[in-house]
């Protein structure tokens, strides 16, 4: 049964390398508060759980008094909402999305990134027309790894039930555990922001370049009918 099925993607660390922009926004806020900046690799390791978790980790790393948290997040969001200058698509991502869409797969996005900067990034890279369904980190009270955001994205793409016929593509621990909780098969991009070894995460398959993704999707559908991970 090789008929097309919905495919939902994560954004940061999966389709785009946004860590340099997030790093720049974090450090701009730290500098204006006379706090030493953090290196890129450290900030990259904080990405994936949304803005609140990002700043929980920044505040802990910099030993900042928690009372300053609301002001720091507000200053960050003022920069982050349209930060695209340093962000890049991962090689082959837009071509893979086009091939999947041409094959009849309904595409969507489920990210912990807030909706406003998500929309800006999609527009910036010309991806909005490929993603009719977008669930952001502030679309629901829950965020990944809670399965609720992914279930909502899948439902809006027509995939419902206890084991929706669909796929999720992401890069991180948040994505892997979210997909397993739905459950749907999870395809993991190895070049993203994951900190845990791939073998320790639930996943159906792994790829290290987007050229591989359309074939991997076809093989996954053919092999499992994508009814369960």
N, C-alpha and C. Protein backbone atom coordinates (compact mmCIF):
# COMPACT_ATOMS: atom_id res chain seq x y z
N UNK A 1 0.86 -1.19 0.00
CA UNK A 1 0.00 0.00 0.00
C UNK A 1 0.89 1.24 0.00
N UNK A 2 1.17 1.77 -1.17
CA UNK A 2 2.12 2.87 -1.29
C UNK A 2 1.45 4.21 -1.53
N UNK A 3 0.16 4.31 -1.21
CA UNK A 3 -0.52 5.58 -1.43
C UNK A 3 0.07 6.66 -0.53
N UNK A 4 0.02 7.92 -0.96
CA UNK A 4 0.59 9.02 -0.16
C UNK A 4 -0.07 9.12 1.21
N UNK A 5 0.69 9.64 2.15
CA UNK A 5 0.17 9.88 3.50
C UNK A 5 0.70 11.22 3.99
N UNK A 6 0.06 11.82 4.99
CA UNK A 6 0.56 13.08 5.55
C UNK A 6 1.96 12.92 6.13
N UNK A 7 2.78 13.94 5.94
CA UNK A 7 4.12 13.99 6.53
C UNK A 7 4.26 15.33 7.24
N UNK A 8 4.58 15.28 8.52
CA UNK A 8 4.76 16.49 9.32
C UNK A 8 6.24 16.62 9.66
N UNK A 9 6.73 17.85 9.62
CA UNK A 9 8.14 18.14 9.86
C UNK A 9 8.31 19.02 11.10
N UNK A 10 9.41 18.81 11.79
CA UNK A 10 9.94 19.79 12.73
C UNK A 10 10.61 20.90 11.91
N UNK A 11 10.98 22.00 12.57
CA UNK A 11 11.59 23.12 11.84
C UNK A 11 13.05 23.32 12.22
N UNK A 12 13.32 23.86 13.41
CA UNK A 12 14.70 24.16 13.82
C UNK A 12 15.51 22.87 13.99
N UNK A 13 16.63 22.78 13.30
CA UNK A 13 17.46 21.60 13.39
C UNK A 13 17.04 20.50 12.43
N UNK A 14 15.90 20.68 11.77
CA UNK A 14 15.41 19.70 10.80
C UNK A 14 15.42 20.30 9.40
N UNK A 15 14.59 21.30 9.16
CA UNK A 15 14.58 21.96 7.86
C UNK A 15 15.56 23.13 7.80
N UNK A 16 15.76 23.79 8.94
CA UNK A 16 16.61 24.98 8.96
C UNK A 16 17.66 24.89 10.06
N UNK A 17 18.81 25.48 9.78
CA UNK A 17 19.84 25.68 10.81
C UNK A 17 19.69 27.11 11.32
N UNK A 18 18.91 27.25 12.37
CA UNK A 18 18.61 28.56 12.95
C UNK A 18 19.46 28.88 14.15
N UNK A 19 20.34 27.96 14.56
CA UNK A 19 21.14 28.17 15.77
C UNK A 19 21.95 29.47 15.74
N UNK A 20 22.55 29.85 14.60
CA UNK A 20 23.31 31.10 14.61
C UNK A 20 22.46 32.33 14.93
N UNK A 21 21.23 32.40 14.42
CA UNK A 21 20.36 33.53 14.74
C UNK A 21 19.91 33.48 16.20
N UNK A 22 19.55 32.29 16.69
CA UNK A 22 19.14 32.18 18.09
C UNK A 22 20.30 32.55 19.00
N UNK A 23 21.49 32.09 18.67
CA UNK A 23 22.70 32.42 19.44
C UNK A 23 22.92 33.93 19.46
N UNK A 24 22.79 34.58 18.30
CA UNK A 24 23.01 36.03 18.22
C UNK A 24 21.99 36.78 19.07
N UNK A 25 20.72 36.35 19.04
CA UNK A 25 19.69 37.01 19.83
C UNK A 25 19.91 36.82 21.32
N UNK A 26 20.27 35.61 21.73
CA UNK A 26 20.57 35.35 23.14
C UNK A 26 21.72 36.23 23.61
N UNK A 27 22.80 36.25 22.85
CA UNK A 27 23.98 37.00 23.29
C UNK A 27 23.76 38.51 23.27
N UNK A 28 22.94 39.00 22.37
CA UNK A 28 22.61 40.43 22.38
C UNK A 28 21.92 40.80 23.69
N UNK A 29 21.02 39.95 24.14
CA UNK A 29 20.31 40.20 25.40
C UNK A 29 21.28 40.10 26.57
N UNK A 30 22.14 39.10 26.56
CA UNK A 30 23.11 38.96 27.65
C UNK A 30 24.05 40.16 27.72
N UNK A 31 24.54 40.60 26.57
CA UNK A 31 25.48 41.73 26.57
C UNK A 31 24.84 43.01 27.08
N UNK A 32 23.58 43.26 26.70
CA UNK A 32 22.95 44.49 27.15
C UNK A 32 22.65 44.46 28.65
N UNK A 33 22.75 43.27 29.24
CA UNK A 33 22.59 43.14 30.69
C UNK A 33 23.92 42.87 31.39
N UNK A 34 25.02 43.14 30.67
CA UNK A 34 26.37 42.99 31.22
C UNK A 34 26.65 41.57 31.70
N UNK A 35 26.17 40.60 30.92
CA UNK A 35 26.40 39.19 31.22
C UNK A 35 27.25 38.61 30.10
N UNK A 36 28.24 37.82 30.44
CA UNK A 36 29.15 37.26 29.44
C UNK A 36 28.38 36.41 28.43
N UNK A 37 28.68 36.55 27.15
CA UNK A 37 27.97 35.77 26.12
C UNK A 37 28.34 34.30 26.19
N UNK A 38 27.51 33.48 25.56
CA UNK A 38 27.71 32.04 25.52
C UNK A 38 28.19 31.62 24.13
N UNK A 39 28.99 30.57 24.03
CA UNK A 39 29.43 30.10 22.71
C UNK A 39 28.28 29.45 21.93
N UNK A 40 28.44 29.41 20.63
CA UNK A 40 27.40 28.88 19.74
C UNK A 40 27.03 27.44 20.09
N UNK A 41 28.02 26.59 20.32
CA UNK A 41 27.71 25.19 20.60
C UNK A 41 26.89 25.03 21.86
N UNK A 42 27.13 25.90 22.85
CA UNK A 42 26.36 25.80 24.10
C UNK A 42 24.91 26.20 23.85
N UNK A 43 24.69 27.28 23.13
CA UNK A 43 23.32 27.70 22.85
C UNK A 43 22.63 26.68 21.96
N UNK A 44 23.34 26.12 20.98
CA UNK A 44 22.74 25.11 20.12
C UNK A 44 22.22 23.93 20.95
N UNK A 45 22.94 23.57 21.99
CA UNK A 45 22.52 22.45 22.82
C UNK A 45 21.27 22.75 23.63
N UNK A 46 20.89 24.03 23.71
CA UNK A 46 19.70 24.44 24.47
C UNK A 46 18.44 24.47 23.59
N UNK A 47 18.58 24.29 22.28
CA UNK A 47 17.47 24.48 21.35
C UNK A 47 16.63 23.21 21.23
N UNK A 48 15.33 23.39 21.05
CA UNK A 48 14.45 22.26 20.76
C UNK A 48 13.19 22.22 21.59
N UNK A 49 13.27 22.76 22.81
CA UNK A 49 12.13 22.69 23.71
C UNK A 49 11.28 23.93 23.75
N UNK A 50 11.60 24.91 22.90
CA UNK A 50 10.87 26.16 22.91
C UNK A 50 11.62 27.26 23.65
N UNK A 51 11.08 28.47 23.57
CA UNK A 51 11.75 29.65 24.13
C UNK A 51 11.86 29.56 25.66
N UNK A 52 10.82 29.09 26.33
CA UNK A 52 10.86 29.02 27.79
C UNK A 52 11.99 28.10 28.25
N UNK A 53 12.11 26.93 27.65
CA UNK A 53 13.17 26.01 28.05
C UNK A 53 14.54 26.54 27.65
N UNK A 54 14.63 27.18 26.49
CA UNK A 54 15.88 27.81 26.09
C UNK A 54 16.38 28.75 27.18
N UNK A 55 15.48 29.61 27.67
CA UNK A 55 15.91 30.59 28.66
C UNK A 55 16.07 29.99 30.05
N UNK A 56 15.37 28.92 30.34
CA UNK A 56 15.66 28.20 31.59
C UNK A 56 17.11 27.73 31.59
N UNK A 57 17.54 27.23 30.45
CA UNK A 57 18.92 26.72 30.33
C UNK A 57 19.94 27.85 30.30
N UNK A 58 19.62 28.95 29.60
CA UNK A 58 20.53 30.09 29.58
C UNK A 58 20.70 30.67 30.99
N UNK A 59 19.60 30.85 31.68
CA UNK A 59 19.63 31.42 33.03
C UNK A 59 20.46 30.54 33.97
N UNK A 60 20.30 29.22 33.85
CA UNK A 60 21.09 28.31 34.68
C UNK A 60 22.57 28.38 34.31
N UNK A 61 22.87 28.41 33.00
CA UNK A 61 24.26 28.43 32.55
C UNK A 61 24.99 29.70 32.97
N UNK A 62 24.26 30.81 33.03
CA UNK A 62 24.86 32.11 33.35
C UNK A 62 24.66 32.52 34.81
N UNK A 63 24.02 31.64 35.61
CA UNK A 63 23.75 31.92 37.02
C UNK A 63 23.03 33.26 37.19
N UNK A 64 21.99 33.45 36.38
CA UNK A 64 21.19 34.68 36.43
C UNK A 64 20.06 34.49 37.45
N UNK A 65 19.75 35.53 38.19
CA UNK A 65 18.64 35.47 39.13
C UNK A 65 17.33 35.26 38.36
N UNK A 66 16.54 34.26 38.73
CA UNK A 66 15.30 33.97 38.00
C UNK A 66 14.32 35.13 37.92
N UNK A 67 14.42 36.09 38.84
CA UNK A 67 13.51 37.23 38.82
C UNK A 67 13.63 38.02 37.51
N UNK A 68 14.76 37.91 36.84
CA UNK A 68 14.99 38.65 35.59
C UNK A 68 14.44 37.93 34.36
N UNK A 69 13.93 36.72 34.54
CA UNK A 69 13.50 35.89 33.42
C UNK A 69 12.49 36.58 32.49
N UNK A 70 11.38 37.16 33.00
CA UNK A 70 10.40 37.77 32.08
C UNK A 70 11.01 38.88 31.21
N UNK A 71 11.84 39.72 31.80
CA UNK A 71 12.44 40.81 31.04
C UNK A 71 13.42 40.28 29.99
N UNK A 72 14.16 39.24 30.34
CA UNK A 72 15.11 38.66 29.39
C UNK A 72 14.39 38.02 28.20
N UNK A 73 13.31 37.30 28.49
CA UNK A 73 12.56 36.65 27.41
C UNK A 73 11.90 37.71 26.52
N UNK A 74 11.38 38.76 27.12
CA UNK A 74 10.75 39.82 26.32
C UNK A 74 11.78 40.48 25.40
N UNK A 75 12.98 40.74 25.93
CA UNK A 75 14.03 41.35 25.11
C UNK A 75 14.48 40.41 24.00
N UNK A 76 14.53 39.13 24.30
CA UNK A 76 14.89 38.12 23.29
C UNK A 76 13.84 38.07 22.18
N UNK A 77 12.57 38.01 22.55
CA UNK A 77 11.51 37.89 21.56
C UNK A 77 11.45 39.11 20.65
N UNK A 78 11.79 40.27 21.16
CA UNK A 78 11.81 41.48 20.34
C UNK A 78 12.80 41.34 19.18
N UNK A 79 13.87 40.57 19.39
CA UNK A 79 14.85 40.34 18.34
C UNK A 79 14.52 39.10 17.51
N UNK A 80 14.01 38.09 18.20
CA UNK A 80 13.85 36.76 17.60
C UNK A 80 12.70 36.67 16.61
N UNK A 81 11.68 37.51 16.74
CA UNK A 81 10.47 37.34 15.95
C UNK A 81 10.72 37.45 14.45
N UNK A 82 11.79 38.16 14.04
CA UNK A 82 12.09 38.27 12.61
C UNK A 82 13.56 38.00 12.31
N UNK A 83 14.19 37.17 13.13
CA UNK A 83 15.62 36.88 12.97
C UNK A 83 15.83 35.80 11.91
N UNK A 84 16.27 36.20 10.74
CA UNK A 84 16.52 35.24 9.65
C UNK A 84 17.87 35.45 8.98
N UNK A 85 18.61 36.49 9.32
CA UNK A 85 19.81 36.84 8.58
C UNK A 85 20.87 35.75 8.59
N UNK A 86 20.96 35.00 9.68
CA UNK A 86 21.99 33.97 9.81
C UNK A 86 21.44 32.56 9.64
N UNK A 87 20.14 32.43 9.44
CA UNK A 87 19.50 31.12 9.32
C UNK A 87 19.62 30.60 7.89
N UNK A 88 19.85 29.31 7.76
CA UNK A 88 19.98 28.68 6.45
C UNK A 88 19.14 27.41 6.39
N UNK A 89 18.60 27.11 5.20
CA UNK A 89 17.99 25.81 4.97
C UNK A 89 19.08 24.75 4.93
N UNK A 90 18.77 23.56 5.47
CA UNK A 90 19.71 22.47 5.31
C UNK A 90 19.73 22.04 3.84
N UNK A 91 20.90 21.62 3.35
CA UNK A 91 21.03 21.28 1.93
C UNK A 91 20.00 20.24 1.48
N UNK A 92 19.33 20.55 0.38
CA UNK A 92 18.38 19.64 -0.21
C UNK A 92 17.00 19.65 0.40
N UNK A 93 16.78 20.46 1.47
CA UNK A 93 15.50 20.41 2.17
C UNK A 93 14.34 20.87 1.29
N UNK A 94 14.49 22.00 0.63
CA UNK A 94 13.36 22.52 -0.15
C UNK A 94 13.08 21.63 -1.35
N UNK A 95 14.13 21.05 -1.93
CA UNK A 95 13.92 20.14 -3.06
C UNK A 95 13.18 18.88 -2.61
N UNK A 96 13.54 18.36 -1.43
CA UNK A 96 12.86 17.17 -0.91
C UNK A 96 11.40 17.46 -0.62
N UNK A 97 11.12 18.62 -0.03
CA UNK A 97 9.73 18.99 0.23
C UNK A 97 8.94 19.06 -1.07
N UNK A 98 9.54 19.64 -2.09
CA UNK A 98 8.86 19.73 -3.38
C UNK A 98 8.57 18.36 -3.97
N UNK A 99 9.52 17.45 -3.87
CA UNK A 99 9.33 16.10 -4.41
C UNK A 99 8.23 15.37 -3.65
N UNK A 100 8.20 15.52 -2.33
CA UNK A 100 7.16 14.86 -1.54
C UNK A 100 5.79 15.44 -1.84
N UNK A 101 5.72 16.76 -1.98
CA UNK A 101 4.44 17.39 -2.33
C UNK A 101 3.98 16.95 -3.71
N UNK A 102 4.90 16.88 -4.67
CA UNK A 102 4.55 16.44 -6.02
C UNK A 102 4.07 14.99 -6.04
N UNK A 103 4.55 14.20 -5.08
CA UNK A 103 4.12 12.80 -4.99
C UNK A 103 2.76 12.65 -4.31
N UNK A 104 2.19 13.76 -3.87
CA UNK A 104 0.86 13.72 -3.30
C UNK A 104 0.77 13.70 -1.79
N UNK A 105 1.92 13.81 -1.11
CA UNK A 105 1.90 13.80 0.35
C UNK A 105 1.46 15.16 0.90
N UNK A 106 0.39 15.22 1.70
CA UNK A 106 0.07 16.47 2.39
C UNK A 106 1.16 16.76 3.43
N UNK A 107 1.68 17.99 3.44
CA UNK A 107 2.78 18.35 4.32
C UNK A 107 2.34 19.33 5.40
N UNK A 108 2.94 19.21 6.56
CA UNK A 108 2.66 20.12 7.66
C UNK A 108 3.89 20.32 8.52
N UNK A 109 3.75 21.21 9.49
CA UNK A 109 4.86 21.57 10.37
C UNK A 109 4.38 21.49 11.81
N UNK A 110 5.20 20.92 12.68
CA UNK A 110 4.93 20.91 14.12
C UNK A 110 6.23 21.24 14.82
N UNK A 111 6.32 22.43 15.38
CA UNK A 111 7.55 22.95 15.96
C UNK A 111 7.28 23.53 17.34
N UNK A 112 8.31 23.55 18.17
CA UNK A 112 8.22 24.25 19.46
C UNK A 112 8.57 25.73 19.32
N UNK A 113 8.96 26.15 18.14
CA UNK A 113 9.23 27.57 17.87
C UNK A 113 7.90 28.33 17.92
N UNK A 114 7.85 29.51 18.52
CA UNK A 114 6.59 30.27 18.53
C UNK A 114 6.09 30.54 17.12
N UNK A 115 4.78 30.72 17.00
CA UNK A 115 4.16 30.83 15.67
C UNK A 115 4.66 32.04 14.89
N UNK A 116 4.82 33.19 15.52
CA UNK A 116 5.20 34.39 14.78
C UNK A 116 6.55 34.23 14.08
N UNK A 117 7.64 33.85 14.78
CA UNK A 117 8.90 33.64 14.05
C UNK A 117 8.86 32.46 13.10
N UNK A 118 8.03 31.46 13.39
CA UNK A 118 7.86 30.34 12.45
C UNK A 118 7.32 30.84 11.13
N UNK A 119 6.26 31.65 11.16
CA UNK A 119 5.68 32.18 9.93
C UNK A 119 6.69 33.04 9.17
N UNK A 120 7.47 33.84 9.90
CA UNK A 120 8.47 34.69 9.25
C UNK A 120 9.50 33.83 8.51
N UNK A 121 9.96 32.76 9.15
CA UNK A 121 10.96 31.89 8.52
C UNK A 121 10.37 31.19 7.29
N UNK A 122 9.15 30.68 7.41
CA UNK A 122 8.54 30.00 6.26
C UNK A 122 8.38 30.95 5.09
N UNK A 123 7.95 32.18 5.37
CA UNK A 123 7.82 33.17 4.30
C UNK A 123 9.18 33.53 3.71
N UNK A 124 10.17 33.68 4.58
CA UNK A 124 11.52 34.08 4.15
C UNK A 124 12.11 33.08 3.16
N UNK A 125 11.87 31.79 3.42
CA UNK A 125 12.44 30.76 2.56
C UNK A 125 11.48 30.24 1.50
N UNK A 126 10.32 30.86 1.39
CA UNK A 126 9.36 30.47 0.37
C UNK A 126 8.75 29.10 0.60
N UNK A 127 8.55 28.72 1.86
CA UNK A 127 8.02 27.41 2.20
C UNK A 127 6.54 27.43 2.58
N UNK A 128 5.97 28.59 2.75
CA UNK A 128 4.61 28.67 3.29
C UNK A 128 3.60 27.93 2.42
N UNK A 129 3.77 27.99 1.10
CA UNK A 129 2.80 27.35 0.22
C UNK A 129 2.87 25.83 0.30
N UNK A 130 3.99 25.28 0.81
CA UNK A 130 4.13 23.84 0.94
C UNK A 130 3.58 23.32 2.25
N UNK A 131 3.30 24.23 3.20
CA UNK A 131 2.91 23.84 4.55
C UNK A 131 1.54 24.42 4.90
N UNK A 132 0.46 23.81 4.43
CA UNK A 132 -0.87 24.35 4.74
C UNK A 132 -1.24 24.23 6.20
N UNK A 133 -0.59 23.33 6.92
CA UNK A 133 -0.85 23.15 8.36
C UNK A 133 0.43 23.47 9.13
N UNK A 134 0.34 24.41 10.06
CA UNK A 134 1.49 24.79 10.88
C UNK A 134 1.03 24.87 12.33
N UNK A 135 1.67 24.10 13.20
CA UNK A 135 1.43 24.15 14.64
C UNK A 135 2.71 24.64 15.31
N UNK A 136 2.61 25.76 16.01
CA UNK A 136 3.76 26.35 16.67
C UNK A 136 3.82 26.02 18.14
N UNK A 137 4.89 26.48 18.78
CA UNK A 137 5.08 26.19 20.18
C UNK A 137 4.10 26.87 21.10
N UNK A 138 3.38 27.87 20.58
CA UNK A 138 2.37 28.55 21.38
C UNK A 138 0.96 28.31 20.83
N UNK A 139 0.80 27.30 19.97
CA UNK A 139 -0.53 26.99 19.43
C UNK A 139 -1.40 26.28 20.45
N UNK A 140 -0.79 25.53 21.35
CA UNK A 140 -1.48 24.79 22.40
C UNK A 140 -0.76 25.02 23.73
N UNK A 141 -1.39 24.70 24.85
CA UNK A 141 -0.67 24.78 26.13
C UNK A 141 0.49 23.79 26.18
N UNK A 142 0.35 22.66 25.47
CA UNK A 142 1.41 21.64 25.49
C UNK A 142 2.42 21.89 24.38
N UNK A 143 3.65 21.43 24.63
CA UNK A 143 4.70 21.44 23.61
C UNK A 143 5.30 20.05 23.52
N UNK A 144 5.94 19.77 22.38
CA UNK A 144 6.67 18.51 22.27
C UNK A 144 7.69 18.40 23.41
N UNK A 145 7.88 17.23 24.00
CA UNK A 145 7.51 15.90 23.52
C UNK A 145 6.07 15.46 23.81
N UNK A 146 5.26 16.31 24.44
CA UNK A 146 3.85 15.97 24.56
C UNK A 146 3.30 15.73 23.15
N UNK A 147 2.50 14.68 22.95
CA UNK A 147 2.03 14.38 21.59
C UNK A 147 0.92 15.29 21.08
N UNK A 148 0.33 16.13 21.95
CA UNK A 148 -0.83 16.92 21.54
C UNK A 148 -0.57 17.80 20.31
N UNK A 149 0.54 18.54 20.23
CA UNK A 149 0.74 19.38 19.03
C UNK A 149 0.85 18.56 17.75
N UNK A 150 1.55 17.45 17.80
CA UNK A 150 1.68 16.62 16.60
C UNK A 150 0.34 16.00 16.23
N UNK A 151 -0.41 15.55 17.21
CA UNK A 151 -1.74 15.00 16.92
C UNK A 151 -2.64 16.04 16.26
N UNK A 152 -2.54 17.29 16.71
CA UNK A 152 -3.34 18.35 16.10
C UNK A 152 -2.93 18.57 14.65
N UNK A 153 -1.63 18.63 14.40
CA UNK A 153 -1.16 18.81 13.01
C UNK A 153 -1.63 17.66 12.13
N UNK A 154 -1.51 16.45 12.63
CA UNK A 154 -1.94 15.28 11.85
C UNK A 154 -3.43 15.31 11.58
N UNK A 155 -4.21 15.66 12.60
CA UNK A 155 -5.66 15.71 12.43
C UNK A 155 -6.05 16.73 11.37
N UNK A 156 -5.36 17.88 11.35
CA UNK A 156 -5.68 18.90 10.36
C UNK A 156 -5.27 18.47 8.95
N UNK A 157 -4.38 17.48 8.87
CA UNK A 157 -4.00 16.92 7.57
C UNK A 157 -4.81 15.67 7.24
N UNK A 158 -5.75 15.32 8.11
CA UNK A 158 -6.65 14.20 7.84
C UNK A 158 -6.22 12.87 8.40
N UNK A 159 -5.16 12.86 9.24
CA UNK A 159 -4.68 11.61 9.84
C UNK A 159 -5.12 11.56 11.29
N UNK A 160 -6.08 10.70 11.59
CA UNK A 160 -6.65 10.63 12.93
C UNK A 160 -6.62 9.17 13.41
N UNK A 161 -7.12 8.97 14.63
CA UNK A 161 -7.17 7.62 15.19
C UNK A 161 -6.05 7.37 16.16
N UNK A 162 -6.04 6.17 16.73
CA UNK A 162 -5.05 5.82 17.74
C UNK A 162 -3.65 5.67 17.16
N UNK A 163 -3.54 5.28 15.90
CA UNK A 163 -2.25 5.16 15.22
C UNK A 163 -2.41 5.76 13.83
N UNK A 164 -2.33 7.08 13.71
CA UNK A 164 -2.61 7.74 12.43
C UNK A 164 -1.67 7.26 11.32
N UNK A 165 -2.21 7.19 10.12
CA UNK A 165 -1.39 6.81 8.96
C UNK A 165 -0.65 8.05 8.48
N UNK A 166 0.58 8.20 8.96
CA UNK A 166 1.35 9.42 8.72
C UNK A 166 2.79 9.18 9.14
N UNK A 167 3.64 10.17 8.85
CA UNK A 167 5.05 10.15 9.26
C UNK A 167 5.40 11.47 9.93
N UNK A 168 6.39 11.40 10.82
CA UNK A 168 6.95 12.63 11.39
C UNK A 168 8.44 12.64 11.12
N UNK A 169 8.96 13.81 10.72
CA UNK A 169 10.38 13.98 10.40
C UNK A 169 10.95 15.05 11.32
N UNK A 170 11.99 14.71 12.06
CA UNK A 170 12.59 15.67 12.98
C UNK A 170 14.03 15.32 13.27
N UNK A 171 14.59 16.00 14.27
CA UNK A 171 16.02 15.82 14.53
C UNK A 171 16.36 15.56 15.99
N UNK A 172 15.42 15.73 16.91
CA UNK A 172 15.79 15.82 18.32
C UNK A 172 15.08 14.81 19.20
N UNK A 173 15.50 14.80 20.46
CA UNK A 173 14.85 14.00 21.48
C UNK A 173 13.38 14.37 21.61
N UNK A 174 13.07 15.65 21.55
CA UNK A 174 11.69 16.12 21.66
C UNK A 174 10.83 15.50 20.55
N UNK A 175 11.38 15.47 19.34
CA UNK A 175 10.65 14.95 18.20
C UNK A 175 10.46 13.43 18.30
N UNK A 176 11.53 12.73 18.66
CA UNK A 176 11.48 11.28 18.73
C UNK A 176 10.45 10.80 19.74
N UNK A 177 10.47 11.39 20.92
CA UNK A 177 9.54 10.96 21.96
C UNK A 177 8.11 11.40 21.67
N UNK A 178 7.96 12.53 21.00
CA UNK A 178 6.64 12.98 20.59
C UNK A 178 6.03 12.01 19.59
N UNK A 179 6.81 11.63 18.57
CA UNK A 179 6.31 10.69 17.56
C UNK A 179 5.94 9.35 18.19
N UNK A 180 6.79 8.87 19.11
CA UNK A 180 6.52 7.58 19.75
C UNK A 180 5.25 7.63 20.58
N UNK A 181 4.94 8.80 21.15
CA UNK A 181 3.75 8.92 21.99
C UNK A 181 2.46 8.98 21.20
N UNK A 182 2.53 9.34 19.89
CA UNK A 182 1.28 9.49 19.12
C UNK A 182 0.52 8.18 18.92
N UNK A 183 1.08 7.08 18.34
CA UNK A 183 2.41 6.92 17.74
C UNK A 183 2.34 6.99 16.21
N UNK A 184 3.44 7.52 15.62
CA UNK A 184 3.66 7.45 14.17
C UNK A 184 5.13 7.14 13.94
N UNK A 185 5.48 6.56 12.79
CA UNK A 185 6.90 6.33 12.48
C UNK A 185 7.66 7.65 12.43
N UNK A 186 8.88 7.61 12.95
CA UNK A 186 9.71 8.81 13.04
C UNK A 186 10.96 8.63 12.20
N UNK A 187 11.21 9.59 11.29
CA UNK A 187 12.41 9.62 10.48
C UNK A 187 13.30 10.73 11.03
N UNK A 188 14.52 10.38 11.43
CA UNK A 188 15.37 11.34 12.14
C UNK A 188 16.50 11.84 11.24
N UNK A 189 16.64 13.16 11.20
CA UNK A 189 17.72 13.82 10.45
C UNK A 189 18.94 13.91 11.36
N UNK A 190 20.04 13.31 10.93
CA UNK A 190 21.19 13.13 11.82
C UNK A 190 22.04 14.38 12.00
N UNK A 191 21.83 15.42 11.18
CA UNK A 191 22.70 16.60 11.24
C UNK A 191 22.09 17.76 12.04
N UNK A 192 21.05 17.48 12.84
CA UNK A 192 20.37 18.54 13.56
C UNK A 192 20.94 18.80 14.94
N UNK A 193 20.07 19.08 15.91
CA UNK A 193 20.50 19.56 17.23
C UNK A 193 20.40 18.49 18.32
N UNK A 194 20.24 17.26 17.93
CA UNK A 194 20.14 16.15 18.87
C UNK A 194 21.40 16.05 19.73
N UNK A 195 21.20 15.75 21.02
CA UNK A 195 22.32 15.55 21.95
C UNK A 195 22.47 14.08 22.34
N UNK A 196 21.44 13.28 22.14
CA UNK A 196 21.42 11.87 22.52
C UNK A 196 21.82 11.01 21.32
N UNK A 197 22.60 9.96 21.52
CA UNK A 197 22.92 9.05 20.40
C UNK A 197 21.64 8.53 19.74
N UNK A 198 21.67 8.45 18.43
CA UNK A 198 20.48 8.04 17.68
C UNK A 198 19.98 6.67 18.14
N UNK A 199 20.89 5.76 18.43
CA UNK A 199 20.48 4.41 18.84
C UNK A 199 19.68 4.40 20.13
N UNK A 200 19.75 5.48 20.89
CA UNK A 200 19.02 5.55 22.15
C UNK A 200 17.65 6.22 22.00
N UNK A 201 17.31 6.62 20.78
CA UNK A 201 16.04 7.29 20.53
C UNK A 201 15.13 6.40 19.69
N UNK A 202 13.82 6.43 19.96
CA UNK A 202 12.90 5.67 19.11
C UNK A 202 12.83 6.29 17.73
N UNK A 203 13.03 5.48 16.70
CA UNK A 203 12.95 5.99 15.33
C UNK A 203 12.77 4.84 14.36
N UNK A 204 12.18 5.16 13.22
CA UNK A 204 11.97 4.18 12.16
C UNK A 204 13.18 4.10 11.24
N UNK A 205 13.78 5.25 10.95
CA UNK A 205 14.91 5.30 10.02
C UNK A 205 15.65 6.62 10.25
N UNK A 206 16.88 6.67 9.73
CA UNK A 206 17.72 7.85 9.88
C UNK A 206 18.26 8.25 8.51
N UNK A 207 18.42 9.57 8.30
CA UNK A 207 19.02 10.06 7.06
C UNK A 207 19.95 11.22 7.38
N UNK A 208 20.99 11.38 6.56
CA UNK A 208 21.95 12.45 6.82
C UNK A 208 22.00 13.49 5.70
N UNK A 209 21.15 13.33 4.68
CA UNK A 209 21.01 14.35 3.64
C UNK A 209 19.59 14.26 3.09
N UNK A 210 19.01 15.40 2.78
CA UNK A 210 17.62 15.43 2.33
C UNK A 210 17.42 14.77 0.97
N UNK A 211 18.49 14.57 0.22
CA UNK A 211 18.36 13.81 -1.03
C UNK A 211 17.82 12.41 -0.76
N UNK A 212 18.08 11.89 0.44
CA UNK A 212 17.68 10.53 0.79
C UNK A 212 16.22 10.44 1.24
N UNK A 213 15.63 11.57 1.61
CA UNK A 213 14.33 11.52 2.28
C UNK A 213 13.19 10.98 1.41
N UNK A 214 12.99 11.44 0.18
CA UNK A 214 11.86 10.90 -0.60
C UNK A 214 11.91 9.38 -0.75
N UNK A 215 13.09 8.83 -1.01
CA UNK A 215 13.21 7.38 -1.11
C UNK A 215 12.96 6.69 0.21
N UNK A 216 13.42 7.31 1.30
CA UNK A 216 13.20 6.74 2.64
C UNK A 216 11.72 6.75 2.99
N UNK A 217 11.02 7.82 2.63
CA UNK A 217 9.58 7.88 2.85
C UNK A 217 8.88 6.74 2.10
N UNK A 218 9.23 6.56 0.82
CA UNK A 218 8.61 5.52 0.01
C UNK A 218 8.88 4.15 0.60
N UNK A 219 10.12 3.91 1.07
CA UNK A 219 10.46 2.62 1.65
C UNK A 219 9.73 2.39 2.95
N UNK A 220 9.59 3.44 3.75
CA UNK A 220 8.89 3.31 5.03
C UNK A 220 7.43 2.98 4.81
N UNK A 221 6.81 3.66 3.86
CA UNK A 221 5.40 3.39 3.55
C UNK A 221 5.24 1.95 3.03
N UNK A 222 6.13 1.56 2.13
CA UNK A 222 6.02 0.22 1.55
C UNK A 222 6.25 -0.86 2.61
N UNK A 223 7.16 -0.58 3.56
CA UNK A 223 7.53 -1.60 4.52
C UNK A 223 6.58 -1.75 5.68
N UNK A 224 5.92 -0.64 6.07
CA UNK A 224 5.11 -0.70 7.30
C UNK A 224 3.70 -0.22 7.11
N UNK A 225 3.39 0.33 5.94
CA UNK A 225 2.12 1.04 5.72
C UNK A 225 1.95 2.15 6.75
N UNK A 226 3.05 2.57 7.38
CA UNK A 226 3.14 3.67 8.34
C UNK A 226 2.02 3.67 9.38
N UNK A 227 1.52 2.52 9.73
CA UNK A 227 0.44 2.46 10.73
C UNK A 227 0.94 2.45 12.15
N UNK A 228 2.23 2.20 12.34
CA UNK A 228 2.80 2.21 13.69
C UNK A 228 4.30 2.26 13.58
N UNK A 229 4.99 2.83 14.59
CA UNK A 229 6.44 2.87 14.56
C UNK A 229 7.05 1.49 14.82
